[in-house]
Structures are given as structure tokens and as C-alpha cells.
């Protein structure tokens, strides 16, 4: 590939010094888990609670994603770079997702 003298190849970075990579992974997994939980609650309200058994698999996936987000959020505290507030927020969001799943499990 021919490069012009003044142009450099762009480097894509998903995390900078403000947010650690583990924190970003935790935010992504927890965000997806919260979206799945929200979608299931909306679908359940729209159909009057008559959903197929495949929805349980989605909630199980949301549980695994939130646990993965909690693990990555905990591991992010070992990394030097990144803001501690973002690390705490990623752990807190993972705990909120897990708490929502527990509440949904015990609802009648």
C-alpha cells in the first residue's frame, strides 16, 4: 500500500488513560445484560406474561453477562490506569443487573 508522506496509519483505541480496558469490557457486558432484561420485561408486559421458554435462556444469558461484567469490574481495580469512579460504577451496574435478575426470579 502506498502511503503519502504526511499521513500516518490511525490506531484505534477502545480505552484511554481515563478508563481501563477491563472497565470498558465490564460496561459493555453489563449494558447488554441490562438491555436484555429491559427487553424481556417489556415483552412480558406486552403479552400479558405469556412468553415462551426461550425467554428464560435470554435471562440466563443476561445473568452470565452480568457476572462476567462483575468479574471484569473487579479485575479492573488491579490495573493502574483508569479512573476509580468508573471502576466503581461498572461494579455497581453489574450488581444492579444481578439484583434485577434476582427480583425477576422471585416474582410471581
N, C-alpha and C. Protein backbone atom coordinates (compact mmCIF):
# COMPACT_ATOMS: atom_id res chain seq x y z
N UNK A 1 0.84 -1.17 0.00
CA UNK A 1 0.00 0.00 0.00
C UNK A 1 0.89 1.24 0.00
N UNK A 2 0.57 2.18 -0.84
CA UNK A 2 1.34 3.41 -0.97
C UNK A 2 0.83 4.43 0.04
N UNK A 3 1.75 4.95 0.84
CA UNK A 3 1.37 5.95 1.83
C UNK A 3 1.94 7.30 1.44
N UNK A 4 1.15 8.30 1.67
CA UNK A 4 1.62 9.66 1.42
C UNK A 4 2.52 10.08 2.57
N UNK A 5 3.46 10.99 2.33
CA UNK A 5 4.45 11.32 3.35
C UNK A 5 3.86 11.89 4.63
N UNK A 6 2.80 12.65 4.60
CA UNK A 6 2.28 13.30 5.80
C UNK A 6 1.23 12.49 6.54
N UNK A 7 0.84 11.37 5.99
CA UNK A 7 -0.25 10.60 6.59
C UNK A 7 0.29 9.44 7.40
N UNK A 8 -0.31 9.22 8.53
CA UNK A 8 0.04 8.08 9.37
C UNK A 8 -1.17 7.18 9.50
N UNK A 9 -0.91 5.95 9.73
CA UNK A 9 -1.99 4.99 9.92
C UNK A 9 -2.64 5.25 11.26
N UNK A 10 -3.97 5.26 11.27
CA UNK A 10 -4.71 5.52 12.51
C UNK A 10 -4.68 4.29 13.40
N UNK A 11 -4.50 4.53 14.68
CA UNK A 11 -4.58 3.46 15.66
C UNK A 11 -5.89 3.62 16.40
N UNK A 12 -6.66 2.57 16.39
CA UNK A 12 -7.94 2.61 17.08
C UNK A 12 -7.76 2.13 18.51
N UNK A 13 -8.22 2.93 19.43
CA UNK A 13 -8.12 2.59 20.84
C UNK A 13 -9.51 2.61 21.44
N UNK A 14 -9.86 1.56 22.13
CA UNK A 14 -11.17 1.48 22.76
C UNK A 14 -11.13 1.97 24.20
N UNK A 15 -9.97 2.18 24.73
CA UNK A 15 -9.83 2.71 26.08
C UNK A 15 -8.61 3.63 26.12
N UNK A 16 -8.73 4.66 26.89
CA UNK A 16 -7.60 5.56 27.05
C UNK A 16 -7.18 5.55 28.50
N UNK A 17 -6.42 6.57 28.91
CA UNK A 17 -5.93 6.61 30.28
C UNK A 17 -7.04 6.87 31.29
N UNK A 18 -8.19 7.38 30.84
CA UNK A 18 -9.26 7.68 31.77
C UNK A 18 -10.07 6.45 32.16
N UNK A 19 -10.18 5.50 31.26
CA UNK A 19 -10.97 4.29 31.53
C UNK A 19 -10.11 3.08 31.17
N UNK A 20 -10.00 2.15 32.10
CA UNK A 20 -9.22 0.94 31.87
C UNK A 20 -9.97 0.01 30.90
N UNK A 21 -9.23 -0.85 30.24
CA UNK A 21 -9.84 -1.78 29.28
C UNK A 21 -10.81 -2.74 29.96
N UNK A 22 -10.46 -3.22 31.15
CA UNK A 22 -11.36 -4.12 31.87
C UNK A 22 -12.66 -3.42 32.24
N UNK A 23 -12.57 -2.14 32.55
CA UNK A 23 -13.77 -1.38 32.88
C UNK A 23 -14.67 -1.24 31.66
N UNK A 24 -14.07 -1.01 30.50
CA UNK A 24 -14.87 -0.92 29.27
C UNK A 24 -15.57 -2.24 28.96
N UNK A 25 -14.86 -3.35 29.13
CA UNK A 25 -15.46 -4.67 28.91
C UNK A 25 -16.61 -4.89 29.88
N UNK A 26 -16.41 -4.48 31.13
CA UNK A 26 -17.46 -4.61 32.13
C UNK A 26 -18.68 -3.78 31.76
N UNK A 27 -18.47 -2.54 31.30
CA UNK A 27 -19.59 -1.70 30.88
C UNK A 27 -20.34 -2.32 29.71
N UNK A 28 -19.63 -2.88 28.76
CA UNK A 28 -20.27 -3.47 27.58
C UNK A 28 -21.12 -4.67 27.96
N UNK A 29 -20.54 -5.60 28.74
CA UNK A 29 -21.29 -6.78 29.13
C UNK A 29 -22.49 -6.42 30.00
N UNK A 30 -22.31 -5.52 30.94
CA UNK A 30 -23.41 -5.14 31.81
C UNK A 30 -24.49 -4.38 31.05
N UNK A 31 -24.08 -3.53 30.12
CA UNK A 31 -25.05 -2.81 29.30
C UNK A 31 -25.90 -3.75 28.46
N UNK A 32 -25.26 -4.75 27.86
CA UNK A 32 -26.02 -5.74 27.09
C UNK A 32 -26.97 -6.53 27.99
N UNK A 33 -26.52 -6.88 29.19
CA UNK A 33 -27.38 -7.61 30.13
C UNK A 33 -28.59 -6.77 30.52
N UNK A 34 -28.37 -5.48 30.80
CA UNK A 34 -29.48 -4.61 31.17
C UNK A 34 -30.45 -4.42 30.00
N UNK A 35 -29.93 -4.35 28.77
CA UNK A 35 -30.81 -4.25 27.61
C UNK A 35 -31.66 -5.50 27.43
N UNK A 36 -31.06 -6.67 27.66
CA UNK A 36 -31.82 -7.92 27.55
C UNK A 36 -32.91 -7.98 28.62
N UNK A 37 -32.56 -7.59 29.84
CA UNK A 37 -33.54 -7.60 30.93
C UNK A 37 -34.69 -6.63 30.62
N UNK A 38 -34.36 -5.43 30.14
CA UNK A 38 -35.38 -4.46 29.80
C UNK A 38 -36.27 -4.97 28.67
N UNK A 39 -35.68 -5.58 27.66
CA UNK A 39 -36.47 -6.14 26.56
C UNK A 39 -37.40 -7.25 27.00
N UNK A 40 -36.93 -8.09 27.91
CA UNK A 40 -37.78 -9.18 28.39
C UNK A 40 -38.94 -8.64 29.22
N UNK A 41 -38.68 -7.63 30.04
CA UNK A 41 -39.75 -7.04 30.85
C UNK A 41 -40.78 -6.37 29.96
N UNK A 42 -40.34 -5.66 28.93
CA UNK A 42 -41.28 -5.01 28.01
C UNK A 42 -42.08 -6.05 27.23
N UNK A 43 -41.43 -7.11 26.78
CA UNK A 43 -42.14 -8.17 26.04
C UNK A 43 -43.13 -8.88 26.95
N UNK A 44 -42.77 -9.07 28.20
CA UNK A 44 -43.68 -9.72 29.14
C UNK A 44 -44.89 -8.85 29.43
N UNK A 45 -44.67 -7.56 29.55
CA UNK A 45 -45.80 -6.66 29.79
C UNK A 45 -46.70 -6.56 28.57
N UNK A 46 -46.13 -6.63 27.38
CA UNK A 46 -46.91 -6.52 26.15
C UNK A 46 -47.76 -7.76 25.90
N UNK A 47 -47.26 -8.92 26.29
CA UNK A 47 -48.00 -10.16 26.03
C UNK A 47 -48.79 -10.63 27.24
N UNK A 48 -48.79 -9.88 28.30
CA UNK A 48 -49.55 -10.29 29.49
C UNK A 48 -48.88 -11.42 30.26
N UNK A 49 -47.60 -11.57 30.13
CA UNK A 49 -46.86 -12.60 30.87
C UNK A 49 -46.83 -13.95 30.19
N UNK A 50 -47.35 -14.05 28.99
CA UNK A 50 -47.36 -15.33 28.28
C UNK A 50 -46.23 -15.35 27.26
N UNK A 51 -45.05 -15.71 27.73
CA UNK A 51 -43.87 -15.77 26.87
C UNK A 51 -43.42 -17.22 26.73
N UNK A 52 -42.64 -17.48 25.71
CA UNK A 52 -42.15 -18.85 25.51
C UNK A 52 -40.99 -19.14 26.46
N UNK A 53 -40.58 -20.39 26.46
CA UNK A 53 -39.48 -20.80 27.33
C UNK A 53 -38.13 -20.26 26.87
N UNK A 54 -38.06 -19.81 25.64
CA UNK A 54 -36.80 -19.28 25.12
C UNK A 54 -36.41 -17.98 25.80
N UNK A 55 -37.36 -17.30 26.41
CA UNK A 55 -37.06 -16.07 27.12
C UNK A 55 -36.21 -16.37 28.35
N UNK A 56 -36.41 -17.53 28.95
CA UNK A 56 -35.58 -17.93 30.09
C UNK A 56 -34.12 -18.06 29.71
N UNK A 57 -33.87 -18.51 28.49
CA UNK A 57 -32.49 -18.61 28.02
C UNK A 57 -31.88 -17.22 27.88
N UNK A 58 -32.68 -16.26 27.42
CA UNK A 58 -32.19 -14.88 27.34
C UNK A 58 -31.84 -14.34 28.72
N UNK A 59 -32.68 -14.63 29.71
CA UNK A 59 -32.38 -14.16 31.06
C UNK A 59 -31.16 -14.87 31.63
N UNK A 60 -30.98 -16.13 31.29
CA UNK A 60 -29.77 -16.84 31.71
C UNK A 60 -28.54 -16.21 31.08
N UNK A 61 -28.63 -15.84 29.80
CA UNK A 61 -27.52 -15.15 29.14
C UNK A 61 -27.25 -13.80 29.81
N UNK A 62 -28.30 -13.10 30.19
CA UNK A 62 -28.12 -11.82 30.87
C UNK A 62 -27.43 -12.02 32.22
N UNK A 63 -27.75 -13.11 32.90
CA UNK A 63 -27.09 -13.40 34.17
C UNK A 63 -25.61 -13.69 33.98
N UNK A 64 -25.28 -14.45 32.97
CA UNK A 64 -23.87 -14.75 32.70
C UNK A 64 -23.12 -13.48 32.30
N UNK A 65 -23.77 -12.64 31.50
CA UNK A 65 -23.12 -11.38 31.10
C UNK A 65 -22.90 -10.46 32.29
N UNK A 66 -23.87 -10.40 33.19
CA UNK A 66 -23.70 -9.51 34.34
C UNK A 66 -22.64 -10.05 35.30
N UNK A 67 -22.56 -11.38 35.45
CA UNK A 67 -21.48 -11.94 36.26
C UNK A 67 -20.12 -11.70 35.63
N UNK A 68 -20.05 -11.80 34.31
CA UNK A 68 -18.81 -11.51 33.61
C UNK A 68 -18.43 -10.04 33.77
N UNK A 69 -19.42 -9.17 33.70
CA UNK A 69 -19.17 -7.75 33.93
C UNK A 69 -18.68 -7.48 35.34
N UNK A 70 -19.22 -8.21 36.31
CA UNK A 70 -18.77 -8.06 37.70
C UNK A 70 -17.34 -8.54 37.86
N UNK A 71 -16.99 -9.63 37.22
CA UNK A 71 -15.62 -10.15 37.30
C UNK A 71 -14.63 -9.17 36.66
N UNK A 72 -14.96 -8.68 35.46
CA UNK A 72 -14.06 -7.73 34.81
C UNK A 72 -14.00 -6.41 35.58
N UNK A 73 -15.11 -6.00 36.18
CA UNK A 73 -15.09 -4.80 37.00
C UNK A 73 -14.20 -4.96 38.22
N UNK A 74 -14.23 -6.14 38.83
CA UNK A 74 -13.34 -6.41 39.96
C UNK A 74 -11.89 -6.48 39.55
N UNK A 75 -11.64 -7.06 38.38
CA UNK A 75 -10.26 -7.14 37.90
C UNK A 75 -9.70 -5.78 37.49
N UNK A 76 -10.58 -4.85 37.17
CA UNK A 76 -10.09 -3.54 36.74
C UNK A 76 -9.45 -2.76 37.89
N UNK A 77 -9.74 -3.13 39.13
CA UNK A 77 -9.12 -2.43 40.25
C UNK A 77 -7.63 -2.76 40.37
N UNK A 78 -7.18 -3.84 39.77
CA UNK A 78 -5.76 -4.19 39.81
C UNK A 78 -4.95 -3.41 38.79
N UNK A 79 -5.62 -2.83 37.80
CA UNK A 79 -4.94 -2.07 36.75
C UNK A 79 -4.70 -0.65 37.25
N UNK A 80 -3.53 -0.12 36.98
CA UNK A 80 -3.17 1.20 37.49
C UNK A 80 -3.93 2.31 36.75
N UNK A 81 -3.99 2.22 35.41
CA UNK A 81 -4.63 3.30 34.67
C UNK A 81 -6.14 3.23 34.83
N UNK A 82 -6.76 4.35 34.64
CA UNK A 82 -8.21 4.42 34.72
C UNK A 82 -8.68 5.09 36.00
N UNK A 83 -9.84 5.67 35.89
CA UNK A 83 -10.43 6.39 36.99
C UNK A 83 -11.13 5.40 37.93
N UNK A 84 -10.97 5.59 39.22
CA UNK A 84 -11.60 4.68 40.18
C UNK A 84 -13.11 4.83 40.20
N UNK A 85 -13.61 6.02 39.88
CA UNK A 85 -15.07 6.20 39.85
C UNK A 85 -15.71 5.37 38.75
N UNK A 86 -15.07 5.29 37.60
CA UNK A 86 -15.58 4.46 36.50
C UNK A 86 -15.54 2.99 36.88
N UNK A 87 -14.49 2.59 37.59
CA UNK A 87 -14.39 1.20 38.03
C UNK A 87 -15.49 0.86 39.02
N UNK A 88 -15.74 1.77 39.96
CA UNK A 88 -16.82 1.55 40.93
C UNK A 88 -18.18 1.50 40.25
N UNK A 89 -18.38 2.39 39.26
CA UNK A 89 -19.66 2.42 38.55
C UNK A 89 -19.89 1.14 37.77
N UNK A 90 -18.85 0.57 37.17
CA UNK A 90 -19.02 -0.68 36.43
C UNK A 90 -19.40 -1.82 37.37
N UNK A 91 -18.81 -1.86 38.55
CA UNK A 91 -19.18 -2.89 39.52
C UNK A 91 -20.61 -2.66 40.02
N UNK A 92 -20.97 -1.40 40.27
CA UNK A 92 -22.31 -1.09 40.75
C UNK A 92 -23.37 -1.46 39.71
N UNK A 93 -23.12 -1.17 38.44
CA UNK A 93 -24.09 -1.54 37.40
C UNK A 93 -24.22 -3.05 37.28
N UNK A 94 -23.14 -3.78 37.45
CA UNK A 94 -23.21 -5.24 37.41
C UNK A 94 -24.04 -5.76 38.57
N UNK A 95 -23.86 -5.17 39.75
CA UNK A 95 -24.65 -5.59 40.90
C UNK A 95 -26.14 -5.25 40.73
N UNK A 96 -26.43 -4.12 40.07
CA UNK A 96 -27.83 -3.75 39.79
C UNK A 96 -28.45 -4.76 38.83
N UNK A 97 -27.71 -5.17 37.81
CA UNK A 97 -28.24 -6.17 36.86
C UNK A 97 -28.49 -7.50 37.56
N UNK A 98 -27.59 -7.90 38.44
CA UNK A 98 -27.78 -9.16 39.17
C UNK A 98 -28.98 -9.04 40.11
N UNK A 99 -29.12 -7.89 40.76
CA UNK A 99 -30.26 -7.69 41.66
C UNK A 99 -31.58 -7.72 40.89
N UNK A 100 -31.61 -7.13 39.69
CA UNK A 100 -32.82 -7.19 38.87
C UNK A 100 -33.17 -8.61 38.49
N UNK A 101 -32.18 -9.41 38.17
CA UNK A 101 -32.44 -10.81 37.83
C UNK A 101 -32.97 -11.59 39.02
N UNK A 102 -32.44 -11.30 40.21
CA UNK A 102 -32.93 -11.98 41.42
C UNK A 102 -34.37 -11.58 41.70
N UNK A 103 -34.69 -10.30 41.54
CA UNK A 103 -36.06 -9.83 41.75
C UNK A 103 -37.00 -10.48 40.74
N UNK A 104 -36.58 -10.54 39.48
CA UNK A 104 -37.43 -11.18 38.45
C UNK A 104 -37.61 -12.68 38.72
N UNK A 105 -36.60 -13.31 39.31
CA UNK A 105 -36.71 -14.73 39.58
C UNK A 105 -37.74 -15.01 40.67
N UNK A 106 -37.80 -14.16 41.68
CA UNK A 106 -38.69 -14.41 42.80
C UNK A 106 -40.07 -13.77 42.64
N UNK A 107 -40.31 -13.09 41.52
CA UNK A 107 -41.65 -12.52 41.28
C UNK A 107 -42.60 -13.63 40.86
N UNK A 108 -43.86 -13.45 41.21
CA UNK A 108 -44.87 -14.44 40.80
C UNK A 108 -45.56 -13.99 39.55
